[in-house]
């Protein structure tokens, strides 16, 4: 979770409501899931301080964003995180962990009945950032075991809200039906027509949408 820290965290197995699940592309609020809720820290402004936000306990000069982000485990064993704060603007409750500035999560005390799990197959096999697999080799070949589907066309641009990988970006189809994010070009040629781009659907997922740049922004 490279860009999810430093933060105060609650780790729990619980239900989320439909709007919270929709933020990470999931459904079925009746299902209990492993949820990592984060309240991010930020440095106080020299002139305005925390500007209404609470200070972080025992950490001078840091403030706390009280709006939580809920990262939820998906069917691939990866955590999907929203690109915007929880729409319910809920406050963090029952803090039992922290993340550092690199996003490394540390529990205050081990959760009863849990244990460290081995790496999943996709984690061992593919390079990934925040659960998103990077699908291309340095020579522009799709990594073995991954699959491209569909034939989408439109414009793409650098910068992803979902994945902090330097190669990631977003794509907008010609029909304007939505934004695909994150997307990875076969080679680092975002500004060229005909470039093939692979767009991920789920963290940990091995199937990607095939997108071709046909329009330049």
Foldseek 3Di string as FASTA:
>chain_A
DQAQDFWFKDWDWAFDDQQLQVLQPDGDRVHTFTKIKTWHKDFADPVCGQVPFDADPPDPRIGTRQFIWIWTQDPLRATGTGLDTRPVSHGDPDGFWGAHNRRDIDGNDDDPPDDDDDDDPLPVPADDFSLAGAQEDQQLDGDPPAEEDDEFEEAWDFDFSGGPDRQWTWGAGPVRPDIFPTKGWSHSCRQDFQIWIWGDDHRNDRYTYTYTYHDGD
